[in-house]
C-alpha atoms as a PDB file:
ATOM      1  CA  MET A   1       0.000   0.000   0.000  1.00  0.00           C
ATOM      2  CA  VAL A   2       1.385   3.405  -0.982  1.00  0.00           C
ATOM      3  CA  TYR A   3       1.187   6.185   1.543  1.00  0.00           C
ATOM      4  CA  LYS A   4      -0.319   9.331   0.102  1.00  0.00           C
ATOM      5  CA  LYS A   5       0.986  12.516   1.679  1.00  0.00           C
ATOM      6  CA  LYS A   6      -1.813  14.673   3.038  1.00  0.00           C
ATOM      7  CA  LYS A   7      -1.896  18.178   1.581  1.00  0.00           C
ATOM      8  CA  ARG A   8      -1.412  20.820   4.266  1.00  0.00           C
ATOM      9  CA  ILE A   9      -3.911  23.615   4.486  1.00  0.00           C
ATOM     10  CA  GLN A  10      -2.153  26.929   4.137  1.00  0.00           C
ATOM     11  CA  GLY A  11      -3.760  30.086   5.389  1.00  0.00           C
ATOM     12  CA  LYS A  12      -2.875  33.750   5.294  1.00  0.00           C
ATOM     13  CA  ASN A  13      -0.529  33.257   8.250  1.00  0.00           C
ATOM     14  CA  LYS A  14       1.864  31.347   5.982  1.00  0.00           C
ATOM     15  CA  TYR A  15       3.384  34.651   4.916  1.00  0.00           C
ATOM     16  CA  TYR A  16       3.674  36.139   8.416  1.00  0.00           C
ATOM     17  CA  SER A  17       7.105  36.164  10.029  1.00  0.00           C
ATOM     18  CA  VAL A  18       8.410  38.747  12.472  1.00  0.00           C
ATOM     19  CA  SER A  19      11.989  37.685  11.744  1.00  0.00           C
ATOM     20  CA  LYS A  20      11.615  38.024   7.961  1.00  0.00           C
ATOM     21  CA  LYS A  21       9.892  41.398   8.339  1.00  0.00           C
ATOM     22  CA  LEU A  22      12.652  42.823  10.534  1.00  0.00           C
ATOM     23  CA  LEU A  23      15.375  41.394   8.281  1.00  0.00           C
ATOM     24  CA  LYS A  24      13.706  42.956   5.243  1.00  0.00           C
ATOM     25  CA  GLU A  25      13.508  46.343   7.008  1.00  0.00           C
ATOM     26  CA  ASN A  26      17.217  46.038   7.970  1.00  0.00           C
ATOM     27  CA  LYS A  27      16.321  46.320  11.654  1.00  0.00           C
ATOM     28  CA  THR A  28      18.101  43.038  12.367  1.00  0.00           C
ATOM     29  CA  ASN A  29      20.513  40.568  10.806  1.00  0.00           C
ATOM     30  CA  LEU A  30      21.322  36.878  11.237  1.00  0.00           C
ATOM     31  CA  GLU A  31      24.270  37.575  13.550  1.00  0.00           C
ATOM     32  CA  PHE A  32      22.077  39.721  15.806  1.00  0.00           C
ATOM     33  CA  GLU A  33      19.345  37.065  15.857  1.00  0.00           C
ATOM     34  CA  THR A  34      21.901  34.433  16.860  1.00  0.00           C
ATOM     35  CA  THR A  35      23.163  36.624  19.713  1.00  0.00           C
ATOM     36  CA  LEU A  36      19.617  37.503  20.760  1.00  0.00           C
ATOM     37  CA  ASN A  37      18.752  33.819  20.908  1.00  0.00           C
ATOM     38  CA  THR A  38      21.296  33.323  23.721  1.00  0.00           C
ATOM     39  CA  LEU A  39      19.517  35.845  25.990  1.00  0.00           C
ATOM     40  CA  THR A  40      16.486  35.150  28.151  1.00  0.00           C
ATOM     41  CA  LEU A  41      13.298  37.109  27.609  1.00  0.00           C
ATOM     42  CA  GLU A  42      13.813  38.847  30.937  1.00  0.00           C
ATOM     43  CA  GLU A  43      17.333  39.928  29.915  1.00  0.00           C
ATOM     44  CA  ILE A  44      16.067  41.230  26.572  1.00  0.00           C
ATOM     45  CA  ILE A  45      13.321  43.318  28.186  1.00  0.00           C
ATOM     46  CA  ALA A  46      15.693  44.717  30.839  1.00  0.00           C
ATOM     47  CA  LEU A  47      18.327  45.519  28.197  1.00  0.00           C
ATOM     48  CA  LYS A  48      15.794  47.261  25.954  1.00  0.00           C
ATOM     49  CA  LEU A  49      14.563  49.394  28.860  1.00  0.00           C
ATOM     50  CA  GLU A  50      18.128  50.218  29.934  1.00  0.00           C
ATOM     51  CA  LEU A  51      19.093  51.258  26.397  1.00  0.00           C
ATOM     52  CA  SER A  52      15.985  53.468  26.206  1.00  0.00           C
ATOM     53  CA  MET A  53      17.034  55.181  29.415  1.00  0.00           C
ATOM     54  CA  LYS A  54      20.588  55.737  28.100  1.00  0.00           C
ATOM     55  CA  ILE A  55      19.210  57.479  25.031  1.00  0.00           C
ATOM     56  CA  ALA A  56      17.006  59.687  27.199  1.00  0.00           C
ATOM     57  CA  GLY A  57      19.924  60.352  29.561  1.00  0.00           C
ATOM     58  CA  THR A  58      17.770  59.766  32.612  1.00  0.00           C
ATOM     59  CA  PRO A  59      15.248  57.287  33.948  1.00  0.00           C
ATOM     60  CA  ILE A  60      12.002  57.707  32.065  1.00  0.00           C
ATOM     61  CA  TYR A  61       9.321  58.869  34.483  1.00  0.00           C
ATOM     62  CA  GLY A  62       5.646  59.125  33.720  1.00  0.00           C
ATOM     63  CA  ILE A  63       5.484  56.021  31.523  1.00  0.00           C
ATOM     64  CA  PRO A  64       3.427  53.347  33.293  1.00  0.00           C
ATOM     65  CA  LEU A  65       5.820  50.463  32.541  1.00  0.00           C
ATOM     66  CA  TRP A  66       4.506  48.249  35.318  1.00  0.00           C
ATOM     67  CA  LYS A  67       0.933  48.514  34.069  1.00  0.00           C
ATOM     68  CA  SER A  68       1.896  48.360  30.379  1.00  0.00           C
ATOM     69  CA  ILE A  69       3.906  45.134  30.497  1.00  0.00           C
ATOM     70  CA  ARG A  70       0.814  42.936  30.224  1.00  0.00           C
ATOM     71  CA  ASP A  71      -0.258  44.651  26.984  1.00  0.00           C
ATOM     72  CA  ILE A  72       3.300  44.533  25.615  1.00  0.00           C
ATOM     73  CA  CYS A  73       3.491  40.780  26.260  1.00  0.00           C
ATOM     74  CA  LYS A  74       0.044  40.101  24.784  1.00  0.00           C
ATOM     75  CA  ASP A  75       0.945  42.058  21.672  1.00  0.00           C
ATOM     76  CA  SER A  76       4.119  40.043  21.170  1.00  0.00           C
ATOM     77  CA  MET A  77       2.312  36.731  21.804  1.00  0.00           C
ATOM     78  CA  LEU A  78      -0.300  37.566  19.157  1.00  0.00           C
ATOM     79  CA  LYS A  79       2.452  38.320  16.635  1.00  0.00           C
ATOM     80  CA  LEU A  80       4.206  35.072  17.522  1.00  0.00           C
ATOM     81  CA  ALA A  81       0.994  33.058  17.194  1.00  0.00           C
ATOM     82  CA  LEU A  82       0.306  34.469  13.723  1.00  0.00           C
ATOM     83  CA  SER A  83       3.860  33.848  12.525  1.00  0.00           C
ATOM     84  CA  ALA A  84       4.090  30.334  14.021  1.00  0.00           C
ATOM     85  CA  THR A  85       0.794  28.947  12.722  1.00  0.00           C
ATOM     86  CA  ARG A  86      -0.985  28.574   9.394  1.00  0.00           C
ATOM     87  CA  THR A  87      -4.450  29.856  10.286  1.00  0.00           C
ATOM     88  CA  LYS A  88      -6.095  32.138  12.817  1.00  0.00           C
ATOM     89  CA  LYS A  89      -8.000  29.203  14.282  1.00  0.00           C
ATOM     90  CA  GLU A  90      -4.727  27.348  14.805  1.00  0.00           C
ATOM     91  CA  ALA A  91      -3.203  30.512  16.320  1.00  0.00           C
ATOM     92  CA  SER A  92      -6.051  30.828  18.816  1.00  0.00           C
ATOM     93  CA  LYS A  93      -5.585  27.182  19.836  1.00  0.00           C
ATOM     94  CA  PHE A  94      -1.836  27.810  20.185  1.00  0.00           C
ATOM     95  CA  LEU A  95      -2.561  30.607  22.669  1.00  0.00           C
ATOM     96  CA  GLY A  96      -5.346  28.701  24.426  1.00  0.00           C
ATOM     97  CA  ILE A  97      -8.074  31.251  23.725  1.00  0.00           C
ATOM     98  CA  THR A  98     -11.282  31.100  21.702  1.00  0.00           C
ATOM     99  CA  SER A  99     -11.341  32.074  18.043  1.00  0.00           C
ATOM    100  CA  GLU A 100     -13.670  34.968  18.843  1.00  0.00           C
ATOM    101  CA  GLU A 101     -11.376  36.284  21.572  1.00  0.00           C
ATOM    102  CA  PHE A 102      -8.384  35.950  19.238  1.00  0.00           C
ATOM    103  CA  LYS A 103     -10.102  37.859  16.422  1.00  0.00           C
ATOM    104  CA  THR A 104     -11.162  40.579  18.864  1.00  0.00           C
ATOM    105  CA  GLU A 105      -7.604  41.001  20.168  1.00  0.00           C
ATOM    106  CA  ILE A 106      -6.146  41.053  16.632  1.00  0.00           C
ATOM    107  CA  LYS A 107      -8.539  43.825  15.608  1.00  0.00           C
ATOM    108  CA  ARG A 108      -8.223  45.798  18.853  1.00  0.00           C
ATOM    109  CA  ARG A 109      -4.419  45.783  18.733  1.00  0.00           C
ATOM    110  CA  ASN A 110      -4.213  46.130  14.925  1.00  0.00           C
ATOM    111  CA  ILE A 111      -1.719  43.246  14.745  1.00  0.00           C
ATOM    112  CA  GLU A 112      -2.175  42.305  11.077  1.00  0.00           C
ATOM    113  CA  SER A 113      -1.036  45.754   9.965  1.00  0.00           C
ATOM    114  CA  PHE A 114       2.383  44.914  11.451  1.00  0.00           C
ATOM    115  CA  PHE A 115       2.844  42.206   8.814  1.00  0.00           C
ATOM    116  CA  GLU A 116       1.579  44.254   5.863  1.00  0.00           C
ATOM    117  CA  GLU A 117       4.219  45.484   3.468  1.00  0.00           C
ATOM    118  CA  ASN A 118       4.531  49.245   3.132  1.00  0.00           C
END
């Protein structure tokens, strides 16, 4: 009996990739991505905040970092889910939320516009 390979369903998400987008915009390169991969998420966030403060020359007051971190993380998880899966339904399952909740968050945060080419 010959095994017939099942055709994979490919959705719009097939073309989404944060890495490819940033490479294309020359915001990153393969060497940087390799170095970044050795850091923990906590180290990356702390480094990014520290570099922002160096540019400003002082600690940045008035920005509600503590309250904003949840939204920052959700935004990045939505982008990851879209780039790591083939369909929105699969992305919602990946995150463990309902399809309706996923679609609402995508629209509310305008995530798909991040992947659109200028």
